[in-house]
Amino acid sequence: MKSKKRRQWPLLVGACVLAACVVIVIGKSPFGPVSSWKAAGKDAPAAATPVPTPPPRVALEFRMVDLDHGWVKYADGIAATEDGGGMWQPAAGEVAAAETAVDGNLAELLSLEAGGGSTPAPSTATLDGAALPVKQTQFLTPRIGWALPASSKDAKNPLLITVDGGQSWVDGMTGDVKEAILKEKSHLDQLAKERDLYATKEAAKGIMSAKWKLMPESAAPGDAVLVRHDEPGTITWLNKTYTLQPYGAGYFTYLPISMSAKPGKYPIGDQTLTIVTKKFETQYLKVTSEMESMKQDTARINADQKKIDLARSKSEPEFLFSGPFVKPIEGILTTPYGYTRYVNGKYDSAHMAVDLAAKEGTPIQATNDGIVALAESLYLTGNSIYLDHGMGLFSQYAHLSELRVKTGDHVKQGDIIGLVGTTGFSTGPHLHFTFWAHNVQVNPDLFWNTTPFRWVQPAQATKQKG
């Protein structure tokens, strides 16, 4: 055994020498790096030359064409954004250069409201409390704007953004900026939604830019007035309080002019509502004693009235109609709105509706879009329907021979909702039709072929006699 170990020893020594040579060749040693002695030798490489930092890319000008799209021009090219300045990508110069005009629809919408003009361009932008000089600023709305810093070293992003009219600025897109831009887009949508309800763009601008607007400014007993204000609030009218509801870019309510309203001038906000006199004719009816006795059953009448009052107590908080109102049927007008009615020689009431005679079974169409608030057989008015058109406005259809809708149904203008009949307190086939504004009956003649948003002419409210 001893002689065998001696023979292996020279082999181990040779292996160690060989390993040391391999380590030296590859530049490492079991005891540490060998670079120190190599650096001092003739074969040591020269030190690496540092790469110079390129100068910041200098932006020359920019343009935002809407709340999403815009471009920044550099000496060596153009970058474009599609998300309001969150991301920038290289763009073809000829394409971006052609996009120099602000979206015309955006500018037109902003011109509709008060304070929608141009915002002064500041020479500095406050970023994190420091006022930075800027080359160029642009506001697309009174609240949303962009600024190009005078020095590219002042910001990490090409443009600064403000969402508070320039009081403060942020460096590029943030969550709060995104939320503010989305809110501004929603506001623009509301402007467009309201604008489209007026007869012309000029009419829309005149109304939407005013603090208060009465549509119309002159009315008679039995009429209604649509009021617009530029902020929420309430109106007290004839000892009742009406809440202005938001719609589009304004706040609205109907003011019903009851038959007891006295002629004169009434202040509404900073406007004046003129109530003029109106004379109504008298009508005399003869009915059977059996029919006359129907009005003596006060228990059934009061029970029905509770159902009606409940149905009309809830109205959608927006305008549901899609366009001008149409007549439910083309019948013969037998009793106009507002007639003083005598039954069998005795005073009965003022007829606060129109009666349109037609053949029994004649289809009745919805005067406009709405929701069926009540569709039921009632004691005096027979088969009856009340449609909610939103904002406290309802249309009523009475004495039908057949109901074609049920409570809760959504209907469109022109949908057949029932058939002409003579149910309830009725002397013959006809449609008893009227409108209710905040539970006050108002003249249907105001609505035919128009909408409350087009009651702009002062004389329109008294043009037609009821």
Protein backbone atom coordinates (compact mmCIF):
# COMPACT_ATOMS: atom_id res chain seq x y z
CA MET A 1 0.00 0.00 0.00
CA LYS A 2 2.81 2.44 0.85
CA SER A 3 4.60 1.98 -2.47
CA LYS A 4 1.29 2.62 -4.34
CA LYS A 5 0.74 6.06 -2.66
CA ARG A 6 4.27 7.13 -3.55
CA ARG A 7 3.59 6.40 -7.19
CA GLN A 8 0.45 8.65 -7.14
CA TRP A 9 2.18 11.69 -5.54
CA PRO A 10 4.04 12.86 -8.65
CA LEU A 11 0.79 12.68 -10.59
CA LEU A 12 -1.01 14.95 -8.09
CA VAL A 13 1.78 17.52 -8.23
CA GLY A 14 1.62 17.57 -12.02
CA ALA A 15 -2.14 18.08 -11.97
CA CYS A 16 -1.83 21.06 -9.61
CA VAL A 17 0.78 22.73 -11.81
CA LEU A 18 -1.43 22.26 -14.84
CA ALA A 19 -4.45 23.76 -13.02
CA ALA A 20 -2.44 26.80 -12.00
CA CYS A 21 -1.43 27.33 -15.61
CA VAL A 22 -5.06 27.14 -16.73
CA VAL A 23 -6.05 29.74 -14.10
CA ILE A 24 -3.35 32.11 -15.28
CA VAL A 25 -4.49 31.73 -18.89
CA ILE A 26 -8.10 32.61 -18.18
CA GLY A 27 -7.09 35.52 -15.90
CA LYS A 28 -8.23 34.27 -12.52
CA SER A 29 -6.54 32.80 -9.53
CA PRO A 30 -7.82 30.82 -6.55
CA PHE A 31 -6.50 33.71 -4.44
CA GLY A 32 -8.19 36.58 -6.27
CA PRO A 33 -8.17 38.48 -9.58
CA VAL A 34 -4.97 38.90 -11.55
CA SER A 35 -5.99 42.15 -13.21
CA SER A 36 -3.65 44.20 -11.02
CA TRP A 37 -0.50 42.79 -12.48
CA LYS A 38 -1.93 42.66 -16.00
CA ALA A 39 -2.94 46.34 -15.83
CA ALA A 40 0.66 47.21 -15.07
CA GLY A 41 2.00 45.15 -18.00
CA LYS A 42 2.53 46.18 -21.56
CA ASP A 43 -0.58 44.29 -22.79
CA ALA A 44 -3.16 46.12 -20.53
CA PRO A 45 -6.10 47.57 -22.60
CA ALA A 46 -6.81 51.32 -22.73
CA ALA A 47 -9.64 52.72 -20.53
CA ALA A 48 -13.15 52.80 -22.21
CA THR A 49 -14.23 56.22 -23.57
CA PRO A 50 -17.53 57.39 -21.88
CA VAL A 51 -20.54 57.78 -24.24
CA PRO A 52 -21.72 61.44 -24.25
CA THR A 53 -25.32 62.12 -23.08
CA PRO A 54 -27.43 63.37 -25.99
CA PRO A 55 -28.92 66.85 -25.52
CA PRO A 56 -32.63 66.97 -24.54
CA ARG A 57 -35.04 66.99 -27.47
CA VAL A 58 -36.35 70.55 -27.73
CA ALA A 59 -40.02 71.02 -28.62
CA LEU A 60 -40.77 73.98 -30.87
CA GLU A 61 -44.58 74.16 -30.83
CA PHE A 62 -47.71 72.08 -30.28
CA ARG A 63 -51.40 71.92 -31.07
CA MET A 64 -54.30 70.04 -29.42
CA VAL A 65 -57.23 69.64 -31.82
CA ASP A 66 -59.59 68.10 -29.27
CA LEU A 67 -59.43 66.66 -25.76
CA ASP A 68 -57.69 63.52 -27.04
CA HIS A 69 -55.68 64.35 -30.16
CA GLY A 70 -52.73 66.66 -30.67
CA TRP A 71 -49.08 66.92 -31.73
CA VAL A 72 -45.75 68.37 -30.66
CA LYS A 73 -43.24 69.54 -33.26
CA TYR A 74 -39.47 69.06 -32.76
CA ALA A 75 -36.56 70.08 -34.97
CA ASP A 76 -36.17 66.46 -36.05
CA GLY A 77 -39.78 65.31 -36.27
CA ILE A 78 -43.29 65.32 -34.82
CA ALA A 79 -44.87 63.30 -31.99
CA ALA A 80 -48.64 62.79 -31.71
CA THR A 81 -50.99 61.80 -28.89
CA GLU A 82 -54.41 60.17 -28.93
CA ASP A 83 -55.11 60.23 -25.19
CA GLY A 84 -54.75 63.87 -24.23
CA GLY A 85 -50.98 63.72 -23.70
CA GLY A 86 -50.51 60.47 -21.82
CA MET A 87 -48.61 58.71 -24.63
CA TRP A 88 -46.68 60.21 -27.56
CA GLN A 89 -45.75 58.39 -30.77
CA PRO A 90 -43.81 59.47 -33.88
CA ALA A 91 -46.13 60.92 -36.53
CA ALA A 92 -45.88 61.86 -40.17
CA GLY A 93 -45.15 65.56 -40.43
CA GLU A 94 -47.59 66.23 -43.24
CA VAL A 95 -50.43 64.55 -41.32
CA ALA A 96 -49.89 66.40 -38.05
CA ALA A 97 -49.22 69.72 -39.75
CA ALA A 98 -52.64 69.53 -41.40
CA GLU A 99 -54.33 69.16 -38.00
CA THR A 100 -54.04 72.75 -36.91
CA ALA A 101 -57.68 73.73 -36.38
CA VAL A 102 -59.55 72.97 -33.17
CA ASP A 103 -62.52 70.61 -33.60
CA GLY A 104 -65.32 72.85 -34.87
CA ASN A 105 -68.05 71.00 -32.96
CA LEU A 106 -66.10 71.46 -29.71
CA ALA A 107 -65.76 75.21 -30.26
CA GLU A 108 -69.44 75.53 -31.23
CA LEU A 109 -70.62 73.68 -28.11
CA LEU A 110 -68.50 75.82 -25.81
CA SER A 111 -69.89 78.98 -27.39
CA LEU A 112 -73.38 77.98 -26.22
CA GLU A 113 -72.85 78.61 -22.53
CA ALA A 114 -71.92 81.68 -20.55
CA GLY A 115 -68.21 81.78 -19.78
CA GLY A 116 -67.41 79.44 -22.64
CA GLY A 117 -65.07 81.88 -24.41
CA SER A 118 -61.30 81.79 -24.70
CA THR A 119 -59.09 81.58 -21.61
CA PRO A 120 -56.17 84.06 -21.38
CA ALA A 121 -52.81 82.45 -22.19
CA PRO A 122 -50.45 82.69 -19.17
CA SER A 123 -46.70 83.24 -19.61
CA THR A 124 -45.89 80.88 -16.74
CA ALA A 125 -47.27 77.61 -15.42
CA THR A 126 -47.24 76.73 -11.72
CA LEU A 127 -45.83 73.23 -11.28
CA ASP A 128 -45.32 71.90 -7.75
CA GLY A 129 -45.38 75.45 -6.41
CA ALA A 130 -42.79 76.77 -8.88
CA ALA A 131 -43.66 79.17 -11.71
CA LEU A 132 -42.11 77.86 -14.93
CA PRO A 133 -41.79 79.97 -18.09
CA VAL A 134 -43.75 78.52 -21.02
CA LYS A 135 -43.39 78.97 -24.78
CA GLN A 136 -47.00 78.29 -25.64
CA THR A 137 -50.33 77.49 -23.96
CA GLN A 138 -53.66 76.32 -25.34
CA PHE A 139 -57.05 75.95 -23.63
CA LEU A 140 -59.74 73.87 -25.30
CA THR A 141 -62.30 74.57 -22.57
CA PRO A 142 -62.34 77.09 -19.73
CA ARG A 143 -60.94 74.35 -17.49
CA ILE A 144 -58.73 72.08 -19.64
CA GLY A 145 -55.47 73.36 -21.14
CA TRP A 146 -51.90 72.41 -22.11
CA ALA A 147 -48.58 74.29 -21.89
CA LEU A 148 -45.18 73.84 -23.55
CA PRO A 149 -42.36 74.57 -21.07
CA ALA A 150 -39.72 77.05 -22.24
CA SER A 151 -37.00 74.59 -21.23
CA SER A 152 -37.19 70.87 -21.88
CA LYS A 153 -35.34 70.35 -18.59
CA ASP A 154 -38.34 71.60 -16.60
CA ALA A 155 -40.60 68.61 -17.31
CA LYS A 156 -40.39 64.91 -18.05
CA ASN A 157 -43.27 65.04 -20.53
CA PRO A 158 -43.65 67.15 -23.66
CA LEU A 159 -46.58 69.14 -22.26
CA LEU A 160 -47.93 70.27 -18.92
CA ILE A 161 -51.69 69.90 -18.34
CA THR A 162 -54.19 71.89 -16.25
CA VAL A 163 -57.76 70.95 -15.36
CA ASP A 164 -58.60 73.97 -13.21
CA GLY A 165 -58.28 76.81 -15.71
CA GLY A 166 -54.53 77.28 -15.23
CA GLN A 167 -54.39 77.69 -11.46
CA SER A 168 -52.15 74.62 -11.22
CA TRP A 169 -50.42 72.31 -13.69
CA VAL A 170 -49.22 68.70 -13.72
CA ASP A 171 -46.38 67.09 -15.64
CA GLY A 172 -48.18 64.82 -18.10
CA MET A 173 -51.19 62.55 -17.60
CA THR A 174 -52.39 61.45 -14.15
CA GLY A 175 -55.45 59.65 -12.85
CA ASP A 176 -56.99 62.92 -11.69
CA VAL A 177 -56.39 64.52 -15.08
CA LYS A 178 -58.03 61.58 -16.86
CA GLU A 179 -61.05 61.84 -14.58
CA ALA A 180 -61.33 65.60 -15.18
CA ILE A 181 -61.14 65.16 -18.97
CA LEU A 182 -63.83 62.47 -18.87
CA LYS A 183 -66.02 64.80 -16.82
CA GLU A 184 -65.46 67.56 -19.37
CA LYS A 185 -66.42 65.22 -22.21
CA SER A 186 -69.62 64.35 -20.36
CA HIS A 187 -70.38 68.05 -19.98
CA LEU A 188 -69.89 68.57 -23.73
CA ASP A 189 -72.27 65.67 -24.41
CA GLN A 190 -74.87 67.34 -22.20
CA LEU A 191 -74.43 70.62 -24.10
CA ALA A 192 -75.03 68.79 -27.39
CA LYS A 193 -78.01 66.93 -25.94
CA GLU A 194 -79.71 70.15 -24.91
CA ARG A 195 -78.71 72.12 -28.03
CA ASP A 196 -80.47 69.64 -30.28
CA LEU A 197 -83.83 70.29 -28.59
CA TYR A 198 -84.00 73.92 -29.74
CA ALA A 199 -85.28 75.03 -33.12
CA THR A 200 -81.92 76.41 -34.31
CA LYS A 201 -78.34 76.71 -33.12
CA GLU A 202 -78.84 80.46 -32.82
CA ALA A 203 -81.84 79.93 -30.54
CA ALA A 204 -79.88 77.42 -28.48
CA LYS A 205 -77.02 79.87 -28.01
CA GLY A 206 -79.31 82.70 -26.97
CA ILE A 207 -81.06 80.54 -24.39
CA MET A 208 -78.17 78.46 -23.06
CA SER A 209 -75.87 81.43 -22.57
CA ALA A 210 -78.45 83.26 -20.42
CA LYS A 211 -78.61 82.96 -16.65
CA TRP A 212 -82.43 82.67 -16.70
CA LYS A 213 -84.80 82.00 -19.58
CA LEU A 214 -88.60 81.79 -19.74
CA MET A 215 -90.19 79.87 -22.60
CA PRO A 216 -92.36 81.76 -23.41
CA GLU A 217 -92.13 85.11 -21.63
CA SER A 218 -95.86 85.76 -21.96
CA ALA A 219 -98.68 83.33 -21.13
CA ALA A 220 -102.37 83.10 -20.30
CA PRO A 221 -104.37 81.14 -17.72
CA GLY A 222 -104.32 77.49 -18.69
CA ASP A 223 -100.87 77.72 -20.29
CA ALA A 224 -97.51 76.49 -19.05
CA VAL A 225 -94.04 78.02 -19.08
CA LEU A 226 -90.73 76.16 -19.22
CA VAL A 227 -88.09 77.82 -17.04
CA ARG A 228 -84.34 77.32 -17.53
CA HIS A 229 -81.66 78.40 -15.06
CA ASP A 230 -77.90 77.89 -15.24
CA GLU A 231 -77.69 76.45 -11.71
CA PRO A 232 -79.85 74.37 -9.34
CA GLY A 233 -82.45 75.95 -7.10
CA THR A 234 -86.18 76.40 -6.56
CA ILE A 235 -88.92 78.75 -7.76
CA THR A 236 -91.94 79.85 -5.75
CA TRP A 237 -94.89 80.45 -8.05
CA LEU A 238 -98.53 81.01 -7.05
CA ASN A 239 -97.80 79.81 -3.50
CA LYS A 240 -96.13 76.58 -4.68
CA THR A 241 -92.44 75.72 -4.78
CA TYR A 242 -90.93 74.04 -7.84
CA THR A 243 -87.49 72.42 -7.92
CA LEU A 244 -85.23 73.05 -10.91
CA GLN A 245 -84.13 69.67 -12.26
CA PRO A 246 -80.85 69.11 -14.17
CA TYR A 247 -80.99 68.33 -17.86
CA GLY A 248 -78.41 68.97 -20.55
CA ALA A 249 -76.33 71.89 -19.31
CA GLY A 250 -79.15 73.64 -17.44
CA TYR A 251 -81.82 73.23 -14.76
CA PHE A 252 -85.51 73.20 -15.63
CA THR A 253 -89.05 73.19 -14.35
CA TYR A 254 -92.53 73.74 -15.73
CA LEU A 255 -94.61 76.55 -14.26
CA PRO A 256 -98.33 75.80 -14.82
CA ILE A 257 -100.48 78.91 -15.19
CA SER A 258 -103.67 77.96 -13.36
CA MET A 259 -107.04 79.38 -14.34
CA SER A 260 -106.95 81.48 -11.17
CA ALA A 261 -103.74 83.30 -12.18
CA LYS A 262 -104.35 87.04 -12.36
CA PRO A 263 -103.02 89.16 -15.24
CA GLY A 264 -99.87 91.08 -14.47
CA LYS A 265 -96.08 90.92 -14.43
CA TYR A 266 -94.25 88.45 -12.19
CA PRO A 267 -90.49 88.28 -11.51
CA ILE A 268 -88.90 84.89 -12.19
CA GLY A 269 -85.17 85.03 -11.47
CA ASP A 270 -83.88 88.01 -13.43
CA GLN A 271 -86.74 87.68 -15.96
CA THR A 272 -90.33 88.93 -16.01
CA LEU A 273 -93.27 86.66 -16.78
CA THR A 274 -96.29 88.47 -18.22
CA ILE A 275 -99.73 86.92 -17.66
CA VAL A 276 -102.36 88.19 -20.07
CA THR A 277 -106.13 87.84 -19.96
CA LYS A 278 -107.94 85.19 -21.97
CA LYS A 279 -111.64 84.65 -22.50
CA PHE A 280 -113.12 81.16 -22.61
CA GLU A 281 -116.46 80.21 -24.14
CA THR A 282 -119.38 78.48 -22.43
CA GLN A 283 -120.81 75.06 -23.29
CA TYR A 284 -124.20 73.58 -22.34
CA LEU A 285 -124.72 69.80 -22.18
CA LYS A 286 -127.81 67.70 -21.61
CA VAL A 287 -127.39 64.21 -20.16
CA THR A 288 -129.72 61.57 -18.76
CA SER A 289 -130.61 61.67 -15.08
CA GLU A 290 -128.80 58.35 -14.66
CA MET A 291 -125.59 59.81 -16.05
CA GLU A 292 -125.99 62.98 -14.03
CA SER A 293 -126.26 60.89 -10.86
CA MET A 294 -122.83 59.36 -11.56
CA LYS A 295 -121.18 62.46 -10.16
CA GLN A 296 -122.93 61.92 -6.85
CA ASP A 297 -120.94 58.77 -6.03
CA THR A 298 -118.14 60.65 -4.28
CA ALA A 299 -116.73 57.51 -2.65
CA ARG A 300 -115.84 55.91 -5.99
CA ILE A 301 -114.67 59.23 -7.40
CA ASN A 302 -112.37 59.85 -4.42
CA ALA A 303 -110.98 56.30 -4.55
CA ASP A 304 -110.06 56.77 -8.21
CA GLN A 305 -108.55 60.17 -7.48
CA LYS A 306 -106.15 58.61 -4.99
CA LYS A 307 -104.91 56.24 -7.72
CA ILE A 308 -104.50 59.13 -10.14
CA ASP A 309 -102.72 61.32 -7.62
CA LEU A 310 -100.30 58.50 -6.80
CA ALA A 311 -99.58 57.84 -10.49
CA ARG A 312 -98.86 61.52 -11.15
CA SER A 313 -96.77 61.96 -8.01
CA LYS A 314 -93.77 60.21 -9.57
CA SER A 315 -92.20 61.54 -12.75
CA GLU A 316 -88.90 60.74 -14.43
CA PRO A 317 -86.29 63.46 -13.67
CA GLU A 318 -85.58 64.13 -17.36
CA PHE A 319 -87.37 65.07 -20.56
CA LEU A 320 -88.53 61.85 -22.21
CA PHE A 321 -89.99 63.25 -25.42
CA SER A 322 -87.95 62.81 -28.60
CA GLY A 323 -89.47 65.52 -30.78
CA PRO A 324 -92.62 67.57 -31.42
CA PHE A 325 -95.87 66.33 -29.86
CA VAL A 326 -98.57 64.97 -32.19
CA LYS A 327 -102.34 64.72 -31.86
CA PRO A 328 -103.42 61.30 -30.58
CA ILE A 329 -106.21 61.17 -33.20
CA GLU A 330 -107.45 63.36 -36.04
CA GLY A 331 -110.95 63.72 -34.57
CA ILE A 332 -113.55 66.46 -34.63
CA LEU A 333 -113.01 69.07 -31.91
CA THR A 334 -116.30 69.12 -29.98
CA THR A 335 -115.10 70.86 -26.81
CA PRO A 336 -112.00 73.09 -26.77
CA TYR A 337 -109.82 73.58 -23.73
CA GLY A 338 -111.08 75.92 -21.01
CA TYR A 339 -114.77 75.98 -21.86
CA THR A 340 -117.06 76.72 -18.94
CA ARG A 341 -119.41 73.75 -18.89
CA TYR A 342 -123.03 73.59 -17.72
CA VAL A 343 -124.72 70.18 -17.44
CA ASN A 344 -128.52 70.13 -17.52
CA GLY A 345 -128.56 73.84 -16.84
CA LYS A 346 -126.28 73.70 -13.81
CA TYR A 347 -122.66 74.84 -13.61
CA ASP A 348 -120.42 71.78 -13.74
CA SER A 349 -116.79 72.85 -14.19
CA ALA A 350 -114.25 74.34 -16.54
CA HIS A 351 -113.39 71.77 -19.20
CA MET A 352 -109.60 71.60 -18.86
CA ALA A 353 -109.06 69.28 -21.82
CA VAL A 354 -110.00 68.88 -25.47
CA ASP A 355 -112.68 66.47 -26.65
CA LEU A 356 -112.04 64.91 -30.05
CA ALA A 357 -115.00 62.97 -31.48
CA ALA A 358 -114.20 59.93 -33.62
CA LYS A 359 -115.64 56.59 -34.57
CA GLU A 360 -115.54 54.00 -31.81
CA GLY A 361 -112.50 51.77 -32.21
CA THR A 362 -110.34 54.48 -33.81
CA PRO A 363 -106.67 53.81 -32.85
CA ILE A 364 -105.17 56.29 -30.39
CA GLN A 365 -101.46 57.02 -30.65
CA ALA A 366 -99.09 58.21 -27.93
CA THR A 367 -98.57 61.94 -28.31
CA ASN A 368 -94.87 61.44 -27.57
CA ASP A 369 -92.36 59.12 -25.91
CA GLY A 370 -93.12 58.30 -22.30
CA ILE A 371 -93.82 55.74 -19.60
CA VAL A 372 -97.31 54.52 -18.75
CA ALA A 373 -97.96 55.84 -15.25
CA LEU A 374 -101.51 54.43 -15.11
CA ALA A 375 -103.66 52.31 -17.42
CA GLU A 376 -106.90 51.34 -15.73
CA SER A 377 -110.69 51.49 -15.84
CA LEU A 378 -111.86 54.44 -13.73
CA TYR A 379 -115.37 55.43 -12.72
CA LEU A 380 -115.87 58.80 -14.41
CA THR A 381 -113.24 58.71 -17.16
CA GLY A 382 -113.71 55.05 -18.07
CA ASN A 383 -110.69 53.25 -19.54
CA SER A 384 -107.93 55.78 -18.93
CA ILE A 385 -104.22 56.18 -19.58
CA TYR A 386 -101.68 58.60 -18.11
CA LEU A 387 -98.28 58.86 -19.83
CA ASP A 388 -95.31 60.35 -18.02
CA HIS A 389 -93.21 62.53 -20.34
CA GLY A 390 -90.74 63.45 -17.59
CA MET A 391 -90.11 66.51 -15.44
CA GLY A 392 -93.67 66.48 -14.07
CA LEU A 393 -95.47 66.49 -17.45
CA PHE A 394 -98.20 63.88 -18.13
CA SER A 395 -100.68 63.35 -20.96
CA GLN A 396 -104.15 61.92 -20.23
CA TYR A 397 -106.39 59.78 -22.48
CA ALA A 398 -109.95 59.01 -21.29
CA HIS A 399 -113.17 57.12 -22.23
CA LEU A 400 -111.30 54.47 -24.26
CA SER A 401 -113.09 51.35 -25.43
CA GLU A 402 -109.90 49.32 -25.09
CA LEU A 403 -106.51 49.66 -23.41
CA ARG A 404 -103.50 48.47 -25.41
CA VAL A 405 -100.82 49.19 -22.77
CA LYS A 406 -100.30 48.51 -19.08
CA THR A 407 -98.76 50.47 -16.24
CA GLY A 408 -94.97 50.60 -16.53
CA ASP A 409 -94.79 50.16 -20.30
CA HIS A 410 -92.39 52.38 -22.24
CA VAL A 411 -93.97 53.80 -25.39
CA LYS A 412 -92.69 55.77 -28.36
CA GLN A 413 -94.42 58.58 -30.17
CA GLY A 414 -97.06 57.12 -32.49
CA ASP A 415 -97.44 53.78 -30.67
CA ILE A 416 -101.08 52.65 -30.50
CA ILE A 417 -101.99 52.69 -26.81
CA GLY A 418 -105.79 52.26 -26.99
CA LEU A 419 -109.00 52.69 -28.99
CA VAL A 420 -111.60 55.45 -28.97
CA GLY A 421 -114.69 54.65 -26.89
CA THR A 422 -117.44 56.09 -24.72
CA THR A 423 -116.79 54.52 -21.32
CA GLY A 424 -117.40 56.38 -18.07
CA PHE A 425 -119.19 59.75 -18.04
CA SER A 426 -119.51 60.17 -21.79
CA THR A 427 -122.26 61.13 -24.22
CA GLY A 428 -120.67 59.50 -27.27
CA PRO A 429 -117.44 58.08 -28.76
CA HIS A 430 -114.64 60.56 -28.31
CA LEU A 431 -111.18 61.05 -26.80
CA HIS A 432 -110.88 63.30 -23.77
CA PHE A 433 -107.26 64.48 -23.89
CA THR A 434 -105.17 66.90 -21.86
CA PHE A 435 -101.75 67.58 -20.33
CA TRP A 436 -100.89 67.90 -16.65
CA ALA A 437 -97.89 69.95 -15.52
CA HIS A 438 -97.15 69.37 -11.83
CA ASN A 439 -100.76 68.19 -11.38
CA VAL A 440 -102.27 71.27 -13.03
CA GLN A 441 -104.15 70.81 -16.31
CA VAL A 442 -102.63 72.81 -19.16
CA ASN A 443 -103.74 73.53 -22.70
CA PRO A 444 -102.89 70.79 -25.25
CA ASP A 445 -102.89 73.38 -28.05
CA LEU A 446 -99.49 74.57 -26.76
CA PHE A 447 -97.88 71.24 -27.64
CA TRP A 448 -99.12 70.29 -31.11
CA ASN A 449 -96.22 70.01 -33.58
CA THR A 450 -93.75 71.60 -31.18
CA THR A 451 -92.08 71.11 -27.80
CA PRO A 452 -91.63 73.32 -24.72
CA PHE A 453 -88.06 74.02 -25.87
CA ARG A 454 -89.53 75.89 -28.82
CA TRP A 455 -91.94 78.06 -26.84
CA VAL A 456 -89.54 80.91 -27.39
CA GLN A 457 -91.71 83.59 -29.00
CA PRO A 458 -93.58 85.65 -26.40
CA ALA A 459 -96.74 85.64 -28.52
CA GLN A 460 -96.76 81.90 -29.07
CA ALA A 461 -98.45 81.10 -25.75
CA THR A 462 -101.52 83.16 -26.68
CA LYS A 463 -101.51 82.55 -30.40
CA GLN A 464 -104.14 79.79 -30.29
CA LYS A 465 -107.34 79.99 -28.37
CA GLY A 466 -108.27 77.08 -26.16
